Structure formats: C-alpha cells, structure tokens
C-alpha cells in the first residue's frame, strides 16, 4: 500500500487508475478527477467526479460541492450528482 519499496512510475499509475475507473471503481474515478484538476483540466475533472458521485463516492460529492461554489459546475449537474 502507498507504493512503499517500489519505484515511482507516473505513467503506470495513470494507466492503472484509468483501468480501475473503466472497471467501475469510484475511488479511481475520483483520483483521476484530482489529477485532471491538478493539470488545469477542470471540465474533465468534473466529469470524473460526477461519474464517481453517481457510484456513491462521497469525496467526489465534496469535490463537486467545492467546484460548484467556484462556478466550475452548473447547478443542474450538481443537483443531478446529489440525486444519484
């Protein structure tokens, strides 16, 4: 856990996150959103968080709430994510 004792490889990390997200893992989807946000791709981040929120990920709901407060998420998208 946490990658202790292994070499850091960002490409493999991203690959495995994407594979897990495609497989329906909500935390992977949330983490992809974080990575997109760190790279200033807010729209992509929001899309990941909406999918993860629909899968029941609480961290994604919080990320969407923060994004909504900053105007990066529409009222409709935020409401839809909360209903899921």
PDB file of N, CA and C in Angstrom:
ATOM      1  N   UNK A   1       0.844  -1.172   0.000  1.00  0.00           N
ATOM      2  CA  UNK A   1       0.000   0.000   0.000  1.00  0.00           C
ATOM      3  C   UNK A   1       0.893   1.240   0.000  1.00  0.00           C
ATOM      4  N   UNK A   2       0.449   2.300  -0.671  1.00  0.00           N
ATOM      5  CA  UNK A   2       1.163   3.578  -0.768  1.00  0.00           C
ATOM      6  C   UNK A   2       2.452   3.470  -1.567  1.00  0.00           C
ATOM      7  N   UNK A   3       2.704   2.351  -2.252  1.00  0.00           N
ATOM      8  CA  UNK A   3       3.861   2.226  -3.120  1.00  0.00           C
ATOM      9  C   UNK A   3       5.205   2.149  -2.416  1.00  0.00           C
ATOM     10  N   UNK A   4       5.218   1.773  -1.174  1.00  0.00           N
ATOM     11  CA  UNK A   4       6.475   1.699  -0.439  1.00  0.00           C
ATOM     12  C   UNK A   4       7.329   0.566  -0.991  1.00  0.00           C
ATOM     13  N   UNK A   5       8.603   0.866  -1.218  1.00  0.00           N
ATOM     14  CA  UNK A   5       9.544  -0.144  -1.673  1.00  0.00           C
ATOM     15  C   UNK A   5       9.568  -0.352  -3.176  1.00  0.00           C
ATOM     16  N   UNK A   6       8.804   0.442  -3.921  1.00  0.00           N
ATOM     17  CA  UNK A   6       8.821   0.330  -5.378  1.00  0.00           C
ATOM     18  C   UNK A   6       9.112   1.687  -5.996  1.00  0.00           C
ATOM     19  N   UNK A   7       9.632   1.634  -7.211  1.00  0.00           N
ATOM     20  CA  UNK A   7       9.956   2.860  -7.926  1.00  0.00           C
ATOM     21  C   UNK A   7       8.687   3.568  -8.392  1.00  0.00           C
ATOM     22  N   UNK A   8       8.652   4.893  -8.299  1.00  0.00           N
ATOM     23  CA  UNK A   8       7.501   5.682  -8.723  1.00  0.00           C
ATOM     24  C   UNK A   8       7.464   5.749 -10.247  1.00  0.00           C
ATOM     25  N   UNK A   9       6.308   5.424 -10.822  1.00  0.00           N
ATOM     26  CA  UNK A   9       6.137   5.471 -12.264  1.00  0.00           C
ATOM     27  C   UNK A   9       4.782   6.100 -12.560  1.00  0.00           C
ATOM     28  N   UNK A  10       4.798   7.374 -12.929  1.00  0.00           N
ATOM     29  CA  UNK A  10       3.560   8.135 -13.150  1.00  0.00           C
ATOM     30  C   UNK A  10       2.727   7.578 -14.310  1.00  0.00           C
ATOM     31  N   UNK A  11       3.395   7.086 -15.365  1.00  0.00           N
ATOM     32  CA  UNK A  11       2.655   6.539 -16.498  1.00  0.00           C
ATOM     33  C   UNK A  11       1.874   5.296 -16.092  1.00  0.00           C
ATOM     34  N   UNK A  12       2.524   4.407 -15.355  1.00  0.00           N
ATOM     35  CA  UNK A  12       1.845   3.195 -14.897  1.00  0.00           C
ATOM     36  C   UNK A  12       0.734   3.537 -13.906  1.00  0.00           C
ATOM     37  N   UNK A  13       0.983   4.529 -13.063  1.00  0.00           N
ATOM     38  CA  UNK A  13      -0.032   4.957 -12.110  1.00  0.00           C
ATOM     39  C   UNK A  13      -1.290   5.407 -12.847  1.00  0.00           C
ATOM     40  N   UNK A  14      -1.106   6.255 -13.847  1.00  0.00           N
ATOM     41  CA  UNK A  14      -2.231   6.764 -14.616  1.00  0.00           C
ATOM     42  C   UNK A  14      -2.935   5.630 -15.370  1.00  0.00           C
ATOM     43  N   UNK A  15      -2.170   4.731 -15.955  1.00  0.00           N
ATOM     44  CA  UNK A  15      -2.739   3.594 -16.673  1.00  0.00           C
ATOM     45  C   UNK A  15      -3.640   2.772 -15.756  1.00  0.00           C
ATOM     46  N   UNK A  16      -3.128   2.436 -14.581  1.00  0.00           N
ATOM     47  CA  UNK A  16      -3.897   1.600 -13.658  1.00  0.00           C
ATOM     48  C   UNK A  16      -5.116   2.341 -13.085  1.00  0.00           C
ATOM     49  N   UNK A  17      -4.977   3.640 -12.863  1.00  0.00           N
ATOM     50  CA  UNK A  17      -6.137   4.432 -12.434  1.00  0.00           C
ATOM     51  C   UNK A  17      -7.230   4.404 -13.500  1.00  0.00           C
ATOM     52  N   UNK A  18      -6.829   4.587 -14.761  1.00  0.00           N
ATOM     53  CA  UNK A  18      -7.792   4.578 -15.860  1.00  0.00           C
ATOM     54  C   UNK A  18      -8.458   3.208 -15.991  1.00  0.00           C
ATOM     55  N   UNK A  19      -7.680   2.146 -15.879  1.00  0.00           N
ATOM     56  CA  UNK A  19      -8.235   0.792 -15.967  1.00  0.00           C
ATOM     57  C   UNK A  19      -9.242   0.543 -14.838  1.00  0.00           C
ATOM     58  N   UNK A  20      -8.882   0.959 -13.635  1.00  0.00           N
ATOM     59  CA  UNK A  20      -9.778   0.773 -12.493  1.00  0.00           C
ATOM     60  C   UNK A  20     -11.049   1.605 -12.672  1.00  0.00           C
ATOM     61  N   UNK A  21     -10.905   2.823 -13.169  1.00  0.00           N
ATOM     62  CA  UNK A  21     -12.063   3.691 -13.386  1.00  0.00           C
ATOM     63  C   UNK A  21     -12.995   3.090 -14.430  1.00  0.00           C
ATOM     64  N   UNK A  22     -12.435   2.582 -15.510  1.00  0.00           N
ATOM     65  CA  UNK A  22     -13.235   1.933 -16.548  1.00  0.00           C
ATOM     66  C   UNK A  22     -13.954   0.714 -15.966  1.00  0.00           C
ATOM     67  N   UNK A  23     -13.297   0.055 -15.023  1.00  0.00           N
ATOM     68  CA  UNK A  23     -13.877  -1.110 -14.378  1.00  0.00           C
ATOM     69  C   UNK A  23     -14.928  -0.772 -13.327  1.00  0.00           C
ATOM     70  N   UNK A  24     -15.191   0.515 -13.112  1.00  0.00           N
ATOM     71  CA  UNK A  24     -16.248   0.923 -12.198  1.00  0.00           C
ATOM     72  C   UNK A  24     -15.807   1.222 -10.780  1.00  0.00           C
ATOM     73  N   UNK A  25     -14.518   1.444 -10.564  1.00  0.00           N
ATOM     74  CA  UNK A  25     -14.011   1.735  -9.219  1.00  0.00           C
ATOM     75  C   UNK A  25     -14.138   3.230  -8.942  1.00  0.00           C
ATOM     76  N   UNK A  26     -15.045   3.639  -8.035  1.00  0.00           N
ATOM     77  CA  UNK A  26     -15.307   5.070  -7.833  1.00  0.00           C
ATOM     78  C   UNK A  26     -14.118   5.857  -7.289  1.00  0.00           C
ATOM     79  N   UNK A  27     -13.298   5.258  -6.436  1.00  0.00           N
ATOM     80  CA  UNK A  27     -12.150   5.994  -5.891  1.00  0.00           C
ATOM     81  C   UNK A  27     -11.126   6.285  -6.985  1.00  0.00           C
ATOM     82  N   UNK A  28     -10.964   5.355  -7.915  1.00  0.00           N
ATOM     83  CA  UNK A  28     -10.061   5.597  -9.048  1.00  0.00           C
ATOM     84  C   UNK A  28     -10.588   6.755  -9.881  1.00  0.00           C
ATOM     85  N   UNK A  29     -11.890   6.802 -10.083  1.00  0.00           N
ATOM     86  CA  UNK A  29     -12.516   7.878 -10.841  1.00  0.00           C
ATOM     87  C   UNK A  29     -12.275   9.213 -10.135  1.00  0.00           C
ATOM     88  N   UNK A  30     -12.458   9.225  -8.817  1.00  0.00           N
ATOM     89  CA  UNK A  30     -12.201  10.437  -8.026  1.00  0.00           C
ATOM     90  C   UNK A  30     -10.742  10.878  -8.190  1.00  0.00           C
ATOM     91  N   UNK A  31      -9.824   9.926  -8.074  1.00  0.00           N
ATOM     92  CA  UNK A  31      -8.400  10.253  -8.186  1.00  0.00           C
ATOM     93  C   UNK A  31      -8.037  10.769  -9.575  1.00  0.00           C
ATOM     94  N   UNK A  32      -8.676  10.230 -10.613  1.00  0.00           N
ATOM     95  CA  UNK A  32      -8.457  10.776 -11.960  1.00  0.00           C
ATOM     96  C   UNK A  32      -8.927  12.226 -12.023  1.00  0.00           C
ATOM     97  N   UNK A  33     -10.043  12.511 -11.368  1.00  0.00           N
ATOM     98  CA  UNK A  33     -10.523  13.889 -11.308  1.00  0.00           C
ATOM     99  C   UNK A  33      -9.522  14.809 -10.629  1.00  0.00           C
ATOM    100  N   UNK A  34      -8.929  14.327  -9.554  1.00  0.00           N
ATOM    101  CA  UNK A  34      -7.897  15.119  -8.854  1.00  0.00           C
ATOM    102  C   UNK A  34      -6.735  15.405  -9.797  1.00  0.00           C
ATOM    103  N   UNK A  35      -6.270  14.381 -10.501  1.00  0.00           N
ATOM    104  CA  UNK A  35      -5.141  14.565 -11.426  1.00  0.00           C
ATOM    105  C   UNK A  35      -5.495  15.558 -12.533  1.00  0.00           C
ATOM    106  N   UNK A  36      -6.706  15.446 -13.072  1.00  0.00           N
ATOM    107  CA  UNK A  36      -7.127  16.385 -14.123  1.00  0.00           C
ATOM    108  C   UNK A  36      -7.174  17.809 -13.565  1.00  0.00           C
ATOM    109  N   UNK A  37      -7.698  17.961 -12.363  1.00  0.00           N
ATOM    110  CA  UNK A  37      -7.748  19.281 -11.739  1.00  0.00           C
ATOM    111  C   UNK A  37      -6.358  19.870 -11.526  1.00  0.00           C
ATOM    112  N   UNK A  38      -5.406  19.028 -11.125  1.00  0.00           N
ATOM    113  CA  UNK A  38      -4.031  19.490 -10.923  1.00  0.00           C
ATOM    114  C   UNK A  38      -3.405  19.943 -12.232  1.00  0.00           C
ATOM    115  N   UNK A  39      -3.921  19.417 -13.351  1.00  0.00           N
ATOM    116  CA  UNK A  39      -3.409  19.800 -14.671  1.00  0.00           C
ATOM    117  C   UNK A  39      -4.295  20.853 -15.344  1.00  0.00           C
ATOM    118  N   UNK A  40      -5.118  21.543 -14.531  1.00  0.00           N
ATOM    119  CA  UNK A  40      -5.991  22.618 -15.004  1.00  0.00           C
ATOM    120  C   UNK A  40      -6.994  22.177 -16.065  1.00  0.00           C
ATOM    121  N   UNK A  41      -7.393  20.906 -16.021  1.00  0.00           N
ATOM    122  CA  UNK A  41      -8.440  20.401 -16.908  1.00  0.00           C
ATOM    123  C   UNK A  41      -9.694  20.177 -16.051  1.00  0.00           C
ATOM    124  N   UNK A  42     -10.267  21.297 -15.638  1.00  0.00           N
ATOM    125  CA  UNK A  42     -11.370  21.273 -14.674  1.00  0.00           C
ATOM    126  C   UNK A  42     -12.600  20.565 -15.239  1.00  0.00           C
ATOM    127  N   UNK A  43     -12.932  20.808 -16.504  1.00  0.00           N
ATOM    128  CA  UNK A  43     -14.112  20.151 -17.081  1.00  0.00           C
ATOM    129  C   UNK A  43     -13.978  18.634 -17.037  1.00  0.00           C
ATOM    130  N   UNK A  44     -12.798  18.137 -17.348  1.00  0.00           N
ATOM    131  CA  UNK A  44     -12.568  16.684 -17.294  1.00  0.00           C
ATOM    132  C   UNK A  44     -12.636  16.192 -15.860  1.00  0.00           C
ATOM    133  N   UNK A  45     -12.081  16.965 -14.933  1.00  0.00           N
ATOM    134  CA  UNK A  45     -12.123  16.587 -13.519  1.00  0.00           C
ATOM    135  C   UNK A  45     -13.569  16.457 -13.064  1.00  0.00           C
ATOM    136  N   UNK A  46     -14.380  17.433 -13.427  1.00  0.00           N
ATOM    137  CA  UNK A  46     -15.793  17.443 -13.023  1.00  0.00           C
ATOM    138  C   UNK A  46     -16.512  16.216 -13.585  1.00  0.00           C
ATOM    139  N   UNK A  47     -16.231  15.857 -14.823  1.00  0.00           N
ATOM    140  CA  UNK A  47     -16.863  14.676 -15.424  1.00  0.00           C
ATOM    141  C   UNK A  47     -16.517  13.414 -14.622  1.00  0.00           C
ATOM    142  N   UNK A  48     -15.252  13.278 -14.238  1.00  0.00           N
ATOM    143  CA  UNK A  48     -14.851  12.120 -13.429  1.00  0.00           C
ATOM    144  C   UNK A  48     -15.587  12.124 -12.090  1.00  0.00           C
ATOM    145  N   UNK A  49     -15.670  13.289 -11.463  1.00  0.00           N
ATOM    146  CA  UNK A  49     -16.321  13.365 -10.153  1.00  0.00           C
ATOM    147  C   UNK A  49     -17.816  13.090 -10.247  1.00  0.00           C
ATOM    148  N   UNK A  50     -18.458  13.511 -11.327  1.00  0.00           N
ATOM    149  CA  UNK A  50     -19.888  13.229 -11.491  1.00  0.00           C
ATOM    150  C   UNK A  50     -20.106  11.723 -11.610  1.00  0.00           C
ATOM    151  N   UNK A  51     -19.276  11.066 -12.398  1.00  0.00           N
ATOM    152  CA  UNK A  51     -19.395   9.608 -12.540  1.00  0.00           C
ATOM    153  C   UNK A  51     -19.167   8.933 -11.198  1.00  0.00           C
ATOM    154  N   UNK A  52     -18.112   9.348 -10.484  1.00  0.00           N
ATOM    155  CA  UNK A  52     -17.803   8.740  -9.187  1.00  0.00           C
ATOM    156  C   UNK A  52     -18.911   9.017  -8.170  1.00  0.00           C
ATOM    157  N   UNK A  53     -19.459  10.220  -8.192  1.00  0.00           N
ATOM    158  CA  UNK A  53     -20.558  10.557  -7.273  1.00  0.00           C
ATOM    159  C   UNK A  53     -21.765   9.675  -7.567  1.00  0.00           C
ATOM    160  N   UNK A  54     -22.029   9.422  -8.840  1.00  0.00           N
ATOM    161  CA  UNK A  54     -23.130   8.538  -9.219  1.00  0.00           C
ATOM    162  C   UNK A  54     -22.895   7.106  -8.743  1.00  0.00           C
ATOM    163  N   UNK A  55     -21.629   6.758  -8.518  1.00  0.00           N
ATOM    164  CA  UNK A  55     -21.277   5.436  -7.988  1.00  0.00           C
ATOM    165  C   UNK A  55     -21.221   5.437  -6.461  1.00  0.00           C
ATOM    166  N   UNK A  56     -21.534   6.599  -5.857  1.00  0.00           N
ATOM    167  CA  UNK A  56     -21.609   6.673  -4.400  1.00  0.00           C
ATOM    168  C   UNK A  56     -20.370   7.172  -3.696  1.00  0.00           C
ATOM    169  N   UNK A  57     -19.440   7.787  -4.422  1.00  0.00           N
ATOM    170  CA  UNK A  57     -18.196   8.266  -3.810  1.00  0.00           C
ATOM    171  C   UNK A  57     -18.404   9.617  -3.120  1.00  0.00           C
ATOM    172  N   UNK A  58     -18.293   9.634  -1.795  1.00  0.00           N
ATOM    173  CA  UNK A  58     -18.509  10.853  -1.012  1.00  0.00           C
ATOM    174  C   UNK A  58     -17.464  11.937  -1.278  1.00  0.00           C
ATOM    175  N   UNK A  59     -16.208  11.529  -1.510  1.00  0.00           N
ATOM    176  CA  UNK A  59     -15.166  12.522  -1.793  1.00  0.00           C
ATOM    177  C   UNK A  59     -15.474  13.279  -3.088  1.00  0.00           C
ATOM    178  N   UNK A  60     -16.043  12.581  -4.053  1.00  0.00           N
ATOM    179  CA  UNK A  60     -16.400  13.228  -5.314  1.00  0.00           C
ATOM    180  C   UNK A  60     -17.535  14.224  -5.116  1.00  0.00           C
ATOM    181  N   UNK A  61     -18.472  13.880  -4.256  1.00  0.00           N
ATOM    182  CA  UNK A  61     -19.556  14.824  -3.958  1.00  0.00           C
ATOM    183  C   UNK A  61     -18.982  16.086  -3.330  1.00  0.00           C
ATOM    184  N   UNK A  62     -18.040  15.926  -2.428  1.00  0.00           N
ATOM    185  CA  UNK A  62     -17.395  17.094  -1.808  1.00  0.00           C
ATOM    186  C   UNK A  62     -16.617  17.913  -2.842  1.00  0.00           C
ATOM    187  N   UNK A  63     -15.928  17.228  -3.754  1.00  0.00           N
ATOM    188  CA  UNK A  63     -15.180  17.930  -4.810  1.00  0.00           C
ATOM    189  C   UNK A  63     -16.143  18.703  -5.709  1.00  0.00           C
ATOM    190  N   UNK A  64     -17.285  18.091  -6.023  1.00  0.00           N
ATOM    191  CA  UNK A  64     -18.288  18.780  -6.839  1.00  0.00           C
ATOM    192  C   UNK A  64     -18.865  19.977  -6.098  1.00  0.00           C
ATOM    193  N   UNK A  65     -19.074  19.823  -4.805  1.00  0.00           N
ATOM    194  CA  UNK A  65     -19.603  20.929  -3.996  1.00  0.00           C
ATOM    195  C   UNK A  65     -18.634  22.121  -4.040  1.00  0.00           C
ATOM    196  N   UNK A  66     -17.367  21.838  -3.872  1.00  0.00           N
ATOM    197  CA  UNK A  66     -16.353  22.895  -3.930  1.00  0.00           C
ATOM    198  C   UNK A  66     -16.305  23.523  -5.319  1.00  0.00           C
ATOM    199  N   UNK A  67     -16.366  22.674  -6.346  1.00  0.00           N
ATOM    200  CA  UNK A  67     -16.335  23.179  -7.723  1.00  0.00           C
ATOM    201  C   UNK A  67     -17.567  24.020  -8.032  1.00  0.00           C
ATOM    202  N   UNK A  68     -18.707  23.612  -7.498  1.00  0.00           N
ATOM    203  CA  UNK A  68     -19.945  24.382  -7.684  1.00  0.00           C
ATOM    204  C   UNK A  68     -19.804  25.763  -7.045  1.00  0.00           C
ATOM    205  N   UNK A  69     -19.247  25.809  -5.842  1.00  0.00           N
ATOM    206  CA  UNK A  69     -19.054  27.089  -5.148  1.00  0.00           C
ATOM    207  C   UNK A  69     -18.142  28.020  -5.942  1.00  0.00           C
ATOM    208  N   UNK A  70     -17.211  27.446  -6.708  1.00  0.00           N
ATOM    209  CA  UNK A  70     -16.280  28.248  -7.505  1.00  0.00           C
ATOM    210  C   UNK A  70     -16.770  28.459  -8.940  1.00  0.00           C
ATOM    211  N   UNK A  71     -17.983  27.987  -9.230  1.00  0.00           N
ATOM    212  CA  UNK A  71     -18.563  28.212 -10.546  1.00  0.00           C
ATOM    213  C   UNK A  71     -18.126  27.250 -11.633  1.00  0.00           C
ATOM    214  N   UNK A  72     -17.456  26.161 -11.278  1.00  0.00           N
ATOM    215  CA  UNK A  72     -16.973  25.210 -12.286  1.00  0.00           C
ATOM    216  C   UNK A  72     -17.985  24.114 -12.601  1.00  0.00           C
ATOM    217  N   UNK A  73     -19.064  24.039 -11.820  1.00  0.00           N
ATOM    218  CA  UNK A  73     -20.112  23.036 -12.025  1.00  0.00           C
ATOM    219  C   UNK A  73     -21.450  23.763 -12.085  1.00  0.00           C
ATOM    220  N   UNK A  74     -22.264  23.379 -13.057  1.00  0.00           N
ATOM    221  CA  UNK A  74     -23.586  24.004 -13.167  1.00  0.00           C
ATOM    222  C   UNK A  74     -24.493  23.518 -12.048  1.00  0.00           C
ATOM    223  N   UNK A  75     -25.507  24.307 -11.762  1.00  0.00           N
ATOM    224  CA  UNK A  75     -26.475  23.936 -10.740  1.00  0.00           C
ATOM    225  C   UNK A  75     -27.160  22.618 -11.095  1.00  0.00           C
ATOM    226  N   UNK A  76     -27.462  22.436 -12.383  1.00  0.00           N
ATOM    227  CA  UNK A  76     -28.129  21.222 -12.852  1.00  0.00           C
ATOM    228  C   UNK A  76     -27.242  19.980 -12.648  1.00  0.00           C
ATOM    229  N   UNK A  77     -25.961  20.095 -13.036  1.00  0.00           N
ATOM    230  CA  UNK A  77     -25.044  18.958 -12.876  1.00  0.00           C
ATOM    231  C   UNK A  77     -24.837  18.626 -11.404  1.00  0.00           C
ATOM    232  N   UNK A  78     -24.725  19.648 -10.586  1.00  0.00           N
ATOM    233  CA  UNK A  78     -24.531  19.422  -9.147  1.00  0.00           C
ATOM    234  C   UNK A  78     -25.759  18.748  -8.553  1.00  0.00           C
ATOM    235  N   UNK A  79     -26.938  19.222  -8.900  1.00  0.00           N
ATOM    236  CA  UNK A  79     -28.179  18.638  -8.390  1.00  0.00           C
ATOM    237  C   UNK A  79     -28.328  17.199  -8.854  1.00  0.00           C
ATOM    238  N   UNK A  80     -27.982  16.928 -10.115  1.00  0.00           N
ATOM    239  CA  UNK A  80     -28.089  15.559 -10.647  1.00  0.00           C
ATOM    240  C   UNK A  80     -27.144  14.615  -9.903  1.00  0.00           C
ATOM    241  N   UNK A  81     -25.956  15.088  -9.582  1.00  0.00           N
ATOM    242  CA  UNK A  81     -24.999  14.247  -8.862  1.00  0.00           C
ATOM    243  C   UNK A  81     -25.495  13.953  -7.453  1.00  0.00           C
ATOM    244  N   UNK A  82     -26.158  14.906  -6.832  1.00  0.00           N
ATOM    245  CA  UNK A  82     -26.674  14.688  -5.488  1.00  0.00           C
ATOM    246  C   UNK A  82     -27.860  13.716  -5.471  1.00  0.00           C
ATOM    247  N   UNK A  83     -28.619  13.691  -6.557  1.00  0.00           N
ATOM    248  CA  UNK A  83     -29.781  12.792  -6.633  1.00  0.00           C
ATOM    249  C   UNK A  83     -29.379  11.348  -6.848  1.00  0.00           C
ATOM    250  N   UNK A  84     -28.221  11.132  -7.411  1.00  0.00           N
ATOM    251  CA  UNK A  84     -27.802   9.757  -7.759  1.00  0.00           C
ATOM    252  C   UNK A  84     -27.601   8.882  -6.544  1.00  0.00           C
TER     253      UNK A  84
END
